[in-house]
Amino acid sequence: MVTTIPGSEILTSGLNMISQSLQVPVIIFLVIFAFFAVVTLGSLIAEYTSRKKVSPDLLEKLIYSISRADSVEELMSIIKNAGIYENQKVILVKILRADSLPNKTRETLSRKLIEFEETELGKTIEKTDIITRIGPTLGLMGTLIPMGPGLAALGAGDVNTLANAIIVAFDTTVVGIGAGAVGYFVSKIRRRWYEEDLSNSDALADALLDKLNR
């Protein structure tokens, strides 16, 4: 006859209590993630409709215009009338207004401005990256947590409790994977957009610095 160790029962009961107490928070977070995924997808569509397409031809034209400008005032006019994003214009205007700084200091300022913009764009992507990684994990937790009591109920002949547990398990799995899939899609698209924008900002900043350093 095998004797059950009391300490083992305490640990098992403690783990079970912790596991079951996580079910409600997991479901709440999954609902929040699902809502945020829908909102994020909507914001991606809105961003796409208002997004400016900076073609290679436009970028080349801007670089040539900057290189051929005869004065700071003309450079300022070129930047303000350029078909680029406002954030890019702000960076270029700040670099242009730093024409009194030494060349090395102005280059450092330019680099830090672009790094700051990269950080701000990265914060936007981080939100959907969290959904991508945490959503399926919460879905798995929501699947496993109710299955313990459900299987125990099956052993006692309570089929209804098992059925309810399976429904909760399937629902949390679908919501978690769905939220993660939306987050991955949004992150993938935005990362490509933002990398292109930062590359354009870097090219325009270099062209402006070359002009100011002459």
N, C-alpha and C. Protein backbone atom coordinates (compact mmCIF):
# COMPACT_ATOMS: atom_id res chain seq x y z
N MET A 1 0.85 -1.20 0.00
CA MET A 1 0.00 0.00 0.00
C MET A 1 0.88 1.24 0.00
N VAL A 2 0.63 2.17 -0.91
CA VAL A 2 1.44 3.38 -1.03
C VAL A 2 0.87 4.45 -0.11
N THR A 3 1.71 5.04 0.68
CA THR A 3 1.29 6.09 1.61
C THR A 3 1.54 7.45 0.98
N THR A 4 0.52 8.27 0.97
CA THR A 4 0.64 9.62 0.39
C THR A 4 1.32 10.53 1.40
N ILE A 5 2.32 11.23 0.95
CA ILE A 5 3.05 12.14 1.83
C ILE A 5 2.23 13.41 2.00
N PRO A 6 1.92 13.81 3.21
CA PRO A 6 1.11 15.01 3.44
C PRO A 6 1.69 16.25 2.77
N GLY A 7 3.02 16.39 2.82
CA GLY A 7 3.65 17.56 2.19
C GLY A 7 3.39 17.61 0.71
N SER A 8 3.37 16.42 0.09
CA SER A 8 3.08 16.36 -1.35
C SER A 8 1.66 16.80 -1.63
N GLU A 9 0.72 16.41 -0.78
CA GLU A 9 -0.66 16.84 -0.95
C GLU A 9 -0.80 18.36 -0.82
N ILE A 10 -0.06 18.93 0.13
CA ILE A 10 -0.11 20.38 0.31
C ILE A 10 0.41 21.10 -0.92
N LEU A 11 1.53 20.61 -1.46
CA LEU A 11 2.11 21.23 -2.65
C LEU A 11 1.17 21.10 -3.85
N THR A 12 0.60 19.91 -4.00
CA THR A 12 -0.32 19.69 -5.12
C THR A 12 -1.55 20.57 -5.01
N SER A 13 -2.09 20.67 -3.81
CA SER A 13 -3.26 21.52 -3.59
C SER A 13 -2.92 22.99 -3.83
N GLY A 14 -1.72 23.38 -3.40
CA GLY A 14 -1.29 24.76 -3.62
C GLY A 14 -1.15 25.09 -5.09
N LEU A 15 -0.54 24.17 -5.85
CA LEU A 15 -0.39 24.39 -7.29
C LEU A 15 -1.75 24.46 -7.97
N ASN A 16 -2.65 23.57 -7.55
CA ASN A 16 -3.99 23.56 -8.14
C ASN A 16 -4.73 24.87 -7.84
N MET A 17 -4.58 25.36 -6.62
CA MET A 17 -5.24 26.61 -6.23
C MET A 17 -4.69 27.79 -7.04
N ILE A 18 -3.36 27.81 -7.20
CA ILE A 18 -2.75 28.88 -7.98
C ILE A 18 -3.21 28.81 -9.43
N SER A 19 -3.23 27.59 -9.98
CA SER A 19 -3.63 27.41 -11.37
C SER A 19 -5.07 27.86 -11.60
N GLN A 20 -5.97 27.45 -10.74
CA GLN A 20 -7.38 27.80 -10.91
C GLN A 20 -7.63 29.29 -10.67
N SER A 21 -6.83 29.89 -9.78
CA SER A 21 -7.01 31.32 -9.52
C SER A 21 -6.58 32.18 -10.70
N LEU A 22 -5.80 31.59 -11.62
CA LEU A 22 -5.33 32.34 -12.79
C LEU A 22 -6.35 32.35 -13.93
N GLN A 23 -7.38 31.52 -13.83
CA GLN A 23 -8.30 31.40 -14.95
C GLN A 23 -9.01 32.71 -15.27
N VAL A 24 -9.56 33.37 -14.27
CA VAL A 24 -10.27 34.62 -14.51
C VAL A 24 -9.33 35.71 -15.04
N PRO A 25 -8.14 35.94 -14.42
CA PRO A 25 -7.22 36.94 -14.99
C PRO A 25 -6.82 36.63 -16.43
N VAL A 26 -6.59 35.35 -16.74
CA VAL A 26 -6.23 34.97 -18.11
C VAL A 26 -7.34 35.33 -19.09
N ILE A 27 -8.57 35.03 -18.73
CA ILE A 27 -9.70 35.34 -19.61
C ILE A 27 -9.85 36.86 -19.77
N ILE A 28 -9.67 37.60 -18.68
CA ILE A 28 -9.77 39.07 -18.76
C ILE A 28 -8.71 39.63 -19.70
N PHE A 29 -7.46 39.15 -19.56
CA PHE A 29 -6.38 39.63 -20.43
C PHE A 29 -6.62 39.23 -21.89
N LEU A 30 -7.18 38.06 -22.11
CA LEU A 30 -7.48 37.64 -23.47
C LEU A 30 -8.53 38.55 -24.11
N VAL A 31 -9.53 38.93 -23.33
CA VAL A 31 -10.56 39.85 -23.84
C VAL A 31 -9.92 41.20 -24.18
N ILE A 32 -9.03 41.68 -23.29
CA ILE A 32 -8.34 42.95 -23.54
C ILE A 32 -7.48 42.85 -24.79
N PHE A 33 -6.74 41.74 -24.93
CA PHE A 33 -5.88 41.55 -26.09
C PHE A 33 -6.70 41.49 -27.38
N ALA A 34 -7.83 40.79 -27.32
CA ALA A 34 -8.68 40.69 -28.51
C ALA A 34 -9.21 42.06 -28.92
N PHE A 35 -9.64 42.85 -27.94
CA PHE A 35 -10.14 44.20 -28.21
C PHE A 35 -9.03 45.06 -28.79
N PHE A 36 -7.84 44.99 -28.18
CA PHE A 36 -6.71 45.80 -28.66
C PHE A 36 -6.29 45.36 -30.06
N ALA A 37 -6.38 44.07 -30.36
CA ALA A 37 -6.02 43.58 -31.69
C ALA A 37 -6.95 44.16 -32.75
N VAL A 38 -8.25 44.22 -32.44
CA VAL A 38 -9.22 44.78 -33.38
C VAL A 38 -8.96 46.27 -33.59
N VAL A 39 -8.70 46.99 -32.48
CA VAL A 39 -8.43 48.42 -32.58
C VAL A 39 -7.15 48.67 -33.37
N THR A 40 -6.14 47.85 -33.12
CA THR A 40 -4.86 48.00 -33.82
C THR A 40 -5.00 47.74 -35.31
N LEU A 41 -5.80 46.73 -35.65
CA LEU A 41 -6.03 46.45 -37.07
C LEU A 41 -6.74 47.62 -37.74
N GLY A 42 -7.68 48.22 -37.03
CA GLY A 42 -8.36 49.40 -37.57
C GLY A 42 -7.42 50.57 -37.75
N SER A 43 -6.51 50.77 -36.77
CA SER A 43 -5.55 51.87 -36.88
C SER A 43 -4.56 51.63 -38.01
N LEU A 44 -4.23 50.35 -38.26
CA LEU A 44 -3.34 50.03 -39.38
C LEU A 44 -4.00 50.40 -40.71
N ILE A 45 -5.28 50.09 -40.83
CA ILE A 45 -6.01 50.44 -42.06
C ILE A 45 -6.07 51.95 -42.24
N ALA A 46 -6.35 52.67 -41.13
CA ALA A 46 -6.39 54.13 -41.19
C ALA A 46 -5.02 54.70 -41.56
N GLU A 47 -3.96 54.11 -40.99
CA GLU A 47 -2.61 54.58 -41.30
C GLU A 47 -2.26 54.33 -42.76
N TYR A 48 -2.73 53.21 -43.28
CA TYR A 48 -2.46 52.87 -44.68
C TYR A 48 -3.14 53.86 -45.63
N THR A 49 -4.39 54.22 -45.32
CA THR A 49 -5.12 55.14 -46.20
C THR A 49 -4.52 56.54 -46.20
N SER A 50 -3.88 56.92 -45.09
CA SER A 50 -3.30 58.27 -45.01
C SER A 50 -1.79 58.27 -45.25
N ARG A 51 -1.24 57.12 -45.55
CA ARG A 51 0.21 57.00 -45.69
C ARG A 51 0.68 57.61 -47.00
N LYS A 52 1.75 58.38 -46.91
CA LYS A 52 2.34 58.99 -48.09
C LYS A 52 3.36 58.03 -48.70
N LYS A 53 3.29 57.89 -49.98
CA LYS A 53 4.23 57.04 -50.69
C LYS A 53 5.40 57.87 -51.18
N VAL A 54 6.55 57.68 -50.50
CA VAL A 54 7.76 58.40 -50.90
C VAL A 54 8.53 57.50 -51.86
N SER A 55 8.36 57.76 -53.14
CA SER A 55 8.98 56.93 -54.17
C SER A 55 10.47 57.25 -54.29
N PRO A 56 11.24 56.32 -54.87
CA PRO A 56 12.67 56.61 -55.10
C PRO A 56 12.90 57.85 -55.95
N ASP A 57 12.00 58.08 -56.91
CA ASP A 57 12.13 59.28 -57.76
C ASP A 57 11.96 60.56 -56.94
N LEU A 58 10.96 60.56 -56.03
CA LEU A 58 10.75 61.73 -55.19
C LEU A 58 11.93 61.96 -54.26
N LEU A 59 12.45 60.88 -53.70
CA LEU A 59 13.61 60.99 -52.81
C LEU A 59 14.82 61.52 -53.57
N GLU A 60 15.03 61.03 -54.78
CA GLU A 60 16.15 61.50 -55.59
C GLU A 60 15.99 62.98 -55.93
N LYS A 61 14.76 63.37 -56.26
CA LYS A 61 14.50 64.77 -56.59
C LYS A 61 14.78 65.68 -55.40
N LEU A 62 14.37 65.26 -54.21
CA LEU A 62 14.62 66.05 -53.01
C LEU A 62 16.11 66.20 -52.72
N ILE A 63 16.84 65.10 -52.89
CA ILE A 63 18.28 65.15 -52.64
C ILE A 63 18.98 66.10 -53.61
N TYR A 64 18.58 66.05 -54.88
CA TYR A 64 19.15 66.96 -55.86
C TYR A 64 18.77 68.41 -55.56
N SER A 65 17.54 68.62 -55.13
CA SER A 65 17.10 69.99 -54.81
C SER A 65 17.88 70.54 -53.62
N ILE A 66 18.11 69.71 -52.62
CA ILE A 66 18.89 70.13 -51.46
C ILE A 66 20.32 70.46 -51.87
N SER A 67 20.88 69.62 -52.73
CA SER A 67 22.27 69.83 -53.14
C SER A 67 22.44 71.11 -53.97
N ARG A 68 21.41 71.49 -54.70
CA ARG A 68 21.52 72.65 -55.59
C ARG A 68 21.04 73.95 -54.96
N ALA A 69 20.53 73.89 -53.76
CA ALA A 69 20.01 75.10 -53.09
C ALA A 69 21.13 76.11 -52.86
N ASP A 70 20.78 77.38 -52.96
CA ASP A 70 21.78 78.44 -52.83
C ASP A 70 21.78 79.12 -51.47
N SER A 71 20.77 78.86 -50.64
CA SER A 71 20.71 79.55 -49.35
C SER A 71 19.94 78.69 -48.34
N VAL A 72 20.07 79.10 -47.08
CA VAL A 72 19.35 78.40 -46.00
C VAL A 72 17.85 78.57 -46.18
N GLU A 73 17.44 79.76 -46.63
CA GLU A 73 16.02 80.02 -46.85
C GLU A 73 15.45 79.10 -47.92
N GLU A 74 16.23 78.87 -48.97
CA GLU A 74 15.77 77.98 -50.04
C GLU A 74 15.69 76.54 -49.54
N LEU A 75 16.65 76.15 -48.73
CA LEU A 75 16.61 74.81 -48.14
C LEU A 75 15.37 74.64 -47.26
N MET A 76 15.08 75.67 -46.48
CA MET A 76 13.90 75.62 -45.61
C MET A 76 12.63 75.48 -46.44
N SER A 77 12.55 76.18 -47.55
CA SER A 77 11.38 76.11 -48.42
C SER A 77 11.25 74.72 -49.06
N ILE A 78 12.38 74.16 -49.46
CA ILE A 78 12.36 72.82 -50.07
C ILE A 78 11.85 71.79 -49.06
N ILE A 79 12.33 71.89 -47.83
CA ILE A 79 11.94 70.92 -46.79
C ILE A 79 10.45 71.06 -46.47
N LYS A 80 9.99 72.29 -46.28
CA LYS A 80 8.59 72.49 -45.88
C LYS A 80 7.61 72.12 -46.98
N ASN A 81 8.02 72.22 -48.22
CA ASN A 81 7.13 71.89 -49.34
C ASN A 81 7.31 70.46 -49.84
N ALA A 82 8.20 69.71 -49.22
CA ALA A 82 8.47 68.34 -49.67
C ALA A 82 7.29 67.42 -49.31
N GLY A 83 7.06 66.43 -50.14
CA GLY A 83 5.97 65.48 -49.90
C GLY A 83 6.38 64.35 -49.01
N ILE A 84 6.90 64.68 -47.84
CA ILE A 84 7.33 63.67 -46.87
C ILE A 84 6.53 63.86 -45.58
N TYR A 85 6.78 62.99 -44.61
CA TYR A 85 6.03 63.06 -43.35
C TYR A 85 6.48 64.24 -42.50
N GLU A 86 5.54 64.69 -41.67
CA GLU A 86 5.83 65.83 -40.81
C GLU A 86 6.99 65.55 -39.86
N ASN A 87 7.07 64.33 -39.34
CA ASN A 87 8.17 63.99 -38.44
C ASN A 87 9.52 64.11 -39.15
N GLN A 88 9.54 63.72 -40.43
CA GLN A 88 10.78 63.85 -41.20
C GLN A 88 11.12 65.32 -41.43
N LYS A 89 10.10 66.12 -41.69
CA LYS A 89 10.34 67.55 -41.87
C LYS A 89 10.88 68.19 -40.59
N VAL A 90 10.33 67.78 -39.45
CA VAL A 90 10.80 68.33 -38.16
C VAL A 90 12.28 68.03 -37.96
N ILE A 91 12.68 66.81 -38.26
CA ILE A 91 14.09 66.42 -38.10
C ILE A 91 14.97 67.28 -39.01
N LEU A 92 14.59 67.42 -40.27
CA LEU A 92 15.40 68.17 -41.22
C LEU A 92 15.45 69.65 -40.87
N VAL A 93 14.35 70.20 -40.39
CA VAL A 93 14.33 71.61 -39.98
C VAL A 93 15.24 71.84 -38.78
N LYS A 94 15.23 70.93 -37.83
CA LYS A 94 16.12 71.05 -36.66
C LYS A 94 17.59 70.99 -37.08
N ILE A 95 17.89 70.12 -38.03
CA ILE A 95 19.27 70.05 -38.53
C ILE A 95 19.64 71.34 -39.24
N LEU A 96 18.72 71.86 -40.04
CA LEU A 96 18.98 73.09 -40.78
C LEU A 96 19.18 74.27 -39.84
N ARG A 97 18.41 74.35 -38.77
CA ARG A 97 18.54 75.44 -37.81
C ARG A 97 19.81 75.34 -36.98
N ALA A 98 20.46 74.19 -37.05
CA ALA A 98 21.72 74.01 -36.32
C ALA A 98 22.92 74.32 -37.20
N ASP A 99 22.71 75.19 -38.23
CA ASP A 99 23.80 75.49 -39.15
C ASP A 99 24.94 76.26 -38.49
N SER A 100 24.68 76.84 -37.31
CA SER A 100 25.73 77.58 -36.61
C SER A 100 26.63 76.66 -35.79
N LEU A 101 26.24 75.40 -35.63
CA LEU A 101 27.03 74.45 -34.85
C LEU A 101 28.19 73.93 -35.68
N PRO A 102 29.25 73.47 -35.02
CA PRO A 102 30.34 72.83 -35.76
C PRO A 102 29.83 71.58 -36.49
N ASN A 103 30.55 71.22 -37.54
CA ASN A 103 30.10 70.10 -38.37
C ASN A 103 29.90 68.81 -37.57
N LYS A 104 30.87 68.51 -36.73
CA LYS A 104 30.80 67.26 -35.95
C LYS A 104 29.61 67.27 -34.99
N THR A 105 29.40 68.40 -34.36
CA THR A 105 28.27 68.51 -33.42
C THR A 105 26.94 68.41 -34.15
N ARG A 106 26.87 69.00 -35.33
CA ARG A 106 25.63 68.95 -36.12
C ARG A 106 25.35 67.51 -36.58
N GLU A 107 26.38 66.78 -36.94
CA GLU A 107 26.21 65.39 -37.33
C GLU A 107 25.73 64.54 -36.15
N THR A 108 26.26 64.84 -34.96
CA THR A 108 25.83 64.12 -33.76
C THR A 108 24.36 64.41 -33.46
N LEU A 109 23.97 65.66 -33.61
CA LEU A 109 22.58 66.04 -33.39
C LEU A 109 21.67 65.32 -34.38
N SER A 110 22.08 65.27 -35.63
CA SER A 110 21.30 64.60 -36.65
C SER A 110 21.12 63.12 -36.31
N ARG A 111 22.18 62.49 -35.89
CA ARG A 111 22.12 61.07 -35.55
C ARG A 111 21.19 60.82 -34.37
N LYS A 112 21.26 61.68 -33.37
CA LYS A 112 20.42 61.51 -32.18
C LYS A 112 18.95 61.76 -32.50
N LEU A 113 18.67 62.72 -33.37
CA LEU A 113 17.27 62.98 -33.76
C LEU A 113 16.66 61.77 -34.46
N ILE A 114 17.43 61.16 -35.34
CA ILE A 114 16.92 59.98 -36.05
C ILE A 114 16.80 58.79 -35.10
N GLU A 115 17.74 58.67 -34.16
CA GLU A 115 17.65 57.59 -33.17
C GLU A 115 16.42 57.76 -32.29
N PHE A 116 16.11 59.00 -31.93
CA PHE A 116 14.92 59.26 -31.12
C PHE A 116 13.66 58.90 -31.89
N GLU A 117 13.63 59.24 -33.17
CA GLU A 117 12.48 58.90 -34.00
C GLU A 117 12.34 57.38 -34.12
N GLU A 118 13.47 56.70 -34.25
CA GLU A 118 13.45 55.24 -34.33
C GLU A 118 12.91 54.63 -33.04
N THR A 119 13.27 55.21 -31.90
CA THR A 119 12.77 54.74 -30.61
C THR A 119 11.27 54.92 -30.51
N GLU A 120 10.78 56.07 -30.94
CA GLU A 120 9.34 56.35 -30.87
C GLU A 120 8.55 55.39 -31.76
N LEU A 121 9.07 55.13 -32.96
CA LEU A 121 8.39 54.18 -33.85
C LEU A 121 8.46 52.77 -33.28
N GLY A 122 9.59 52.45 -32.63
CA GLY A 122 9.74 51.13 -32.03
C GLY A 122 8.74 50.88 -30.92
N LYS A 123 8.39 51.94 -30.18
CA LYS A 123 7.40 51.79 -29.10
C LYS A 123 6.04 51.39 -29.67
N THR A 124 5.71 51.90 -30.84
CA THR A 124 4.45 51.53 -31.47
C THR A 124 4.44 50.05 -31.85
N ILE A 125 5.55 49.57 -32.38
CA ILE A 125 5.64 48.16 -32.79
C ILE A 125 5.68 47.24 -31.57
N GLU A 126 6.28 47.70 -30.48
CA GLU A 126 6.39 46.87 -29.29
C GLU A 126 5.02 46.43 -28.77
N LYS A 127 4.03 47.28 -28.90
CA LYS A 127 2.69 46.96 -28.38
C LYS A 127 2.13 45.72 -29.07
N THR A 128 2.23 45.69 -30.41
CA THR A 128 1.71 44.53 -31.13
C THR A 128 2.64 43.33 -30.99
N ASP A 129 3.93 43.56 -30.77
CA ASP A 129 4.85 42.45 -30.52
C ASP A 129 4.46 41.72 -29.23
N ILE A 130 4.02 42.47 -28.23
CA ILE A 130 3.59 41.87 -26.97
C ILE A 130 2.38 40.97 -27.20
N ILE A 131 1.42 41.45 -27.99
CA ILE A 131 0.25 40.63 -28.30
C ILE A 131 0.67 39.37 -29.05
N THR A 132 1.61 39.51 -29.98
CA THR A 132 2.06 38.38 -30.77
C THR A 132 2.62 37.27 -29.90
N ARG A 133 3.37 37.64 -28.88
CA ARG A 133 4.05 36.64 -28.06
C ARG A 133 3.21 36.18 -26.87
N ILE A 134 2.50 37.11 -26.25
CA ILE A 134 1.75 36.77 -25.04
C ILE A 134 0.38 36.20 -25.35
N GLY A 135 -0.25 36.63 -26.45
CA GLY A 135 -1.59 36.17 -26.80
C GLY A 135 -1.71 34.66 -26.87
N PRO A 136 -0.88 33.98 -27.71
CA PRO A 136 -0.97 32.51 -27.76
C PRO A 136 -0.63 31.84 -26.44
N THR A 137 0.28 32.44 -25.66
CA THR A 137 0.62 31.88 -24.35
C THR A 137 -0.58 31.90 -23.42
N LEU A 138 -1.28 33.03 -23.40
CA LEU A 138 -2.49 33.12 -22.58
C LEU A 138 -3.57 32.17 -23.09
N GLY A 139 -3.64 32.01 -24.41
CA GLY A 139 -4.59 31.07 -24.97
C GLY A 139 -4.32 29.64 -24.53
N LEU A 140 -3.02 29.28 -24.49
CA LEU A 140 -2.65 27.94 -24.01
C LEU A 140 -2.98 27.78 -22.54
N MET A 141 -2.70 28.80 -21.75
CA MET A 141 -3.05 28.74 -20.33
C MET A 141 -4.55 28.60 -20.14
N GLY A 142 -5.32 29.35 -20.94
CA GLY A 142 -6.77 29.26 -20.85
C GLY A 142 -7.29 27.91 -21.30
N THR A 143 -6.50 27.20 -22.11
CA THR A 143 -6.89 25.86 -22.53
C THR A 143 -6.64 24.83 -21.43
N LEU A 144 -5.48 24.94 -20.79
CA LEU A 144 -5.07 23.91 -19.83
C LEU A 144 -5.74 24.06 -18.46
N ILE A 145 -5.97 25.30 -18.03
CA ILE A 145 -6.49 25.52 -16.67
C ILE A 145 -7.84 24.84 -16.44
N PRO A 146 -8.82 25.02 -17.34
CA PRO A 146 -10.13 24.39 -17.06
C PRO A 146 -10.15 22.89 -17.32
N MET A 147 -9.13 22.35 -18.01
CA MET A 147 -9.15 20.93 -18.33
C MET A 147 -8.93 20.05 -17.11
N GLY A 148 -8.19 20.56 -16.11
CA GLY A 148 -7.97 19.79 -14.89
C GLY A 148 -9.28 19.46 -14.18
N PRO A 149 -10.05 20.47 -13.80
CA PRO A 149 -11.36 20.19 -13.18
C PRO A 149 -12.30 19.44 -14.11
N GLY A 150 -12.17 19.70 -15.42
CA GLY A 150 -13.05 19.02 -16.37
C GLY A 150 -12.79 17.52 -16.40
N LEU A 151 -11.52 17.13 -16.43
CA LEU A 151 -11.18 15.70 -16.42
C LEU A 151 -11.54 15.06 -15.10
N ALA A 152 -11.36 15.82 -14.02
CA ALA A 152 -11.75 15.31 -12.71
C ALA A 152 -13.26 15.07 -12.66
N ALA A 153 -14.02 15.97 -13.26
CA ALA A 153 -15.47 15.81 -13.30
C ALA A 153 -15.87 14.62 -14.16
N LEU A 154 -15.11 14.38 -15.24
CA LEU A 154 -15.38 13.22 -16.08
C LEU A 154 -15.22 11.93 -15.29
N GLY A 155 -14.17 11.91 -14.45
CA GLY A 155 -13.97 10.72 -13.62
C GLY A 155 -15.12 10.49 -12.66
N ALA A 156 -15.79 11.57 -12.29
CA ALA A 156 -16.94 11.45 -11.37
C ALA A 156 -18.25 11.29 -12.13
N GLY A 157 -18.16 11.24 -13.47
CA GLY A 157 -19.36 11.05 -14.27
C GLY A 157 -20.11 12.32 -14.60
N ASP A 158 -19.51 13.49 -14.32
CA ASP A 158 -20.17 14.78 -14.59
C ASP A 158 -19.76 15.27 -15.97
N VAL A 159 -20.55 14.89 -16.96
CA VAL A 159 -20.21 15.22 -18.35
C VAL A 159 -20.45 16.70 -18.64
N ASN A 160 -21.43 17.30 -18.01
CA ASN A 160 -21.74 18.71 -18.26
C ASN A 160 -20.58 19.62 -17.86
N THR A 161 -19.96 19.33 -16.72
CA THR A 161 -18.81 20.14 -16.29
C THR A 161 -17.66 20.00 -17.27
N LEU A 162 -17.43 18.79 -17.77
CA LEU A 162 -16.38 18.57 -18.77
C LEU A 162 -16.69 19.34 -20.05
N ALA A 163 -17.95 19.32 -20.47
CA ALA A 163 -18.32 20.02 -21.70
C ALA A 163 -18.08 21.52 -21.56
N ASN A 164 -18.45 22.09 -20.41
CA ASN A 164 -18.22 23.52 -20.18
C ASN A 164 -16.74 23.85 -20.17
N ALA A 165 -15.93 22.95 -19.57
CA ALA A 165 -14.49 23.17 -19.52
C ALA A 165 -13.89 23.14 -20.92
N ILE A 166 -14.38 22.23 -21.76
CA ILE A 166 -13.86 22.14 -23.13
C ILE A 166 -14.23 23.39 -23.93
N ILE A 167 -15.44 23.90 -23.72
CA ILE A 167 -15.87 25.12 -24.42
C ILE A 167 -14.96 26.30 -24.06
N VAL A 168 -14.69 26.45 -22.75
CA VAL A 168 -13.80 27.52 -22.30
C VAL A 168 -12.41 27.33 -22.89
N ALA A 169 -11.94 26.08 -22.90
CA ALA A 169 -10.60 25.79 -23.43
C ALA A 169 -10.50 26.16 -24.90
N PHE A 170 -11.50 25.77 -25.71
CA PHE A 170 -11.47 26.08 -27.14
C PHE A 170 -11.58 27.59 -27.39
N ASP A 171 -12.47 28.24 -26.64
CA ASP A 171 -12.66 29.68 -26.84
C ASP A 171 -11.38 30.46 -26.55
N THR A 172 -10.73 30.14 -25.44
CA THR A 172 -9.50 30.86 -25.08
C THR A 172 -8.38 30.58 -26.08
N THR A 173 -8.34 29.37 -26.60
CA THR A 173 -7.31 29.04 -27.60
C THR A 173 -7.51 29.86 -28.87
N VAL A 174 -8.75 29.91 -29.34
CA VAL A 174 -9.05 30.66 -30.57
C VAL A 174 -8.75 32.14 -30.39
N VAL A 175 -9.17 32.71 -29.26
CA VAL A 175 -8.95 34.14 -29.03
C VAL A 175 -7.47 34.44 -28.92
N GLY A 176 -6.73 33.60 -28.18
CA GLY A 176 -5.29 33.84 -28.01
C GLY A 176 -4.53 33.77 -29.31
N ILE A 177 -4.80 32.73 -30.11
CA ILE A 177 -4.10 32.58 -31.39
C ILE A 177 -4.53 33.67 -32.36
N GLY A 178 -5.82 34.00 -32.36
CA GLY A 178 -6.31 35.06 -33.25
C GLY A 178 -5.68 36.41 -32.95
N ALA A 179 -5.62 36.76 -31.65
CA ALA A 179 -4.99 38.02 -31.27
C ALA A 179 -3.51 38.03 -31.64
N GLY A 180 -2.83 36.90 -31.42
CA GLY A 180 -1.42 36.81 -31.77
C GLY A 180 -1.19 36.95 -33.27
N ALA A 181 -2.09 36.35 -34.07
CA ALA A 181 -1.95 36.44 -35.52
C ALA A 181 -2.14 37.87 -36.01
N VAL A 182 -3.12 38.57 -35.47
CA VAL A 182 -3.34 39.97 -35.84
C VAL A 182 -2.15 40.83 -35.43
N GLY A 183 -1.64 40.59 -34.21
CA GLY A 183 -0.48 41.34 -33.75
C GLY A 183 0.73 41.12 -34.63
N TYR A 184 0.96 39.87 -35.04
CA TYR A 184 2.10 39.56 -35.92
C TYR A 184 1.95 40.26 -37.26
N PHE A 185 0.75 40.23 -37.82
CA PHE A 185 0.51 40.87 -39.12
C PHE A 185 0.75 42.37 -39.05
N VAL A 186 0.20 43.01 -38.02
CA VAL A 186 0.35 44.46 -37.88
C VAL A 186 1.81 44.83 -37.64
N SER A 187 2.51 44.08 -36.79
CA SER A 187 3.92 44.35 -36.52
C SER A 187 4.76 44.21 -37.78
N LYS A 188 4.47 43.17 -38.56
CA LYS A 188 5.24 42.91 -39.78
C LYS A 188 5.10 44.06 -40.77
N ILE A 189 3.85 44.52 -40.97
CA ILE A 189 3.60 45.60 -41.93
C ILE A 189 4.23 46.90 -41.44
N ARG A 190 3.99 47.24 -40.18
CA ARG A 190 4.52 48.50 -39.65
C ARG A 190 6.04 48.50 -39.60
N ARG A 191 6.63 47.38 -39.28
CA ARG A 191 8.09 47.34 -39.23
C ARG A 191 8.68 47.65 -40.60
N ARG A 192 8.08 47.12 -41.65
CA ARG A 192 8.56 47.41 -43.01
C ARG A 192 8.36 48.88 -43.36
N TRP A 193 7.21 49.42 -43.01
CA TRP A 193 6.95 50.84 -43.27
C TRP A 193 7.96 51.73 -42.56
N TYR A 194 8.14 51.48 -41.28
CA TYR A 194 8.98 52.36 -40.46
C TYR A 194 10.46 52.25 -40.83
N GLU A 195 10.89 51.06 -41.21
CA GLU A 195 12.28 50.92 -41.66
C GLU A 195 12.52 51.73 -42.94
N GLU A 196 11.53 51.72 -43.82
CA GLU A 196 11.64 52.52 -45.05
C GLU A 196 11.66 54.01 -44.73
N ASP A 197 10.80 54.43 -43.81
CA ASP A 197 10.75 55.85 -43.43
C ASP A 197 12.06 56.30 -42.80
N LEU A 198 12.63 55.49 -41.91
CA LEU A 198 13.89 55.85 -41.26
C LEU A 198 15.04 55.88 -42.26
N SER A 199 15.00 54.96 -43.22
CA SER A 199 16.04 54.97 -44.26
C SER A 199 15.96 56.25 -45.09
N ASN A 200 14.73 56.67 -45.42
CA ASN A 200 14.57 57.93 -46.17
C ASN A 200 15.02 59.13 -45.35
N SER A 201 14.68 59.13 -44.07
CA SER A 201 15.10 60.24 -43.19
C SER A 201 16.62 60.30 -43.12
N ASP A 202 17.24 59.16 -43.02
CA ASP A 202 18.71 59.11 -42.94
C ASP A 202 19.34 59.65 -44.22
N ALA A 203 18.79 59.27 -45.38
CA ALA A 203 19.34 59.73 -46.66
C ALA A 203 19.17 61.24 -46.81
N LEU A 204 18.02 61.76 -46.45
CA LEU A 204 17.78 63.21 -46.56
C LEU A 204 18.63 63.99 -45.57
N ALA A 205 18.80 63.45 -44.38
CA ALA A 205 19.64 64.12 -43.38
C ALA A 205 21.10 64.17 -43.84
N ASP A 206 21.57 63.07 -44.43
CA ASP A 206 22.95 63.06 -44.95
C ASP A 206 23.13 64.08 -46.07
N ALA A 207 22.14 64.18 -46.94
CA ALA A 207 22.22 65.15 -48.04
C ALA A 207 22.24 66.57 -47.49
N LEU A 208 21.43 66.83 -46.47
CA LEU A 208 21.39 68.16 -45.88
C LEU A 208 22.70 68.49 -45.14
N LEU A 209 23.24 67.50 -44.47
CA LEU A 209 24.51 67.72 -43.75
C LEU A 209 25.64 67.99 -44.74
N ASP A 210 25.66 67.25 -45.84
CA ASP A 210 26.70 67.48 -46.85
C ASP A 210 26.62 68.90 -47.40
N LYS A 211 25.38 69.38 -47.59
CA LYS A 211 25.20 70.73 -48.11
C LYS A 211 25.64 71.76 -47.08
N LEU A 212 25.32 71.57 -45.84
CA LEU A 212 25.69 72.53 -44.79
C LEU A 212 27.17 72.51 -44.49
N ASN A 213 27.81 71.37 -44.70
CA ASN A 213 29.23 71.24 -44.36
C ASN A 213 30.15 71.81 -45.44
N ARG A 214 29.58 72.18 -46.56
CA ARG A 214 30.43 72.73 -47.63
C ARG A 214 30.92 74.12 -47.30
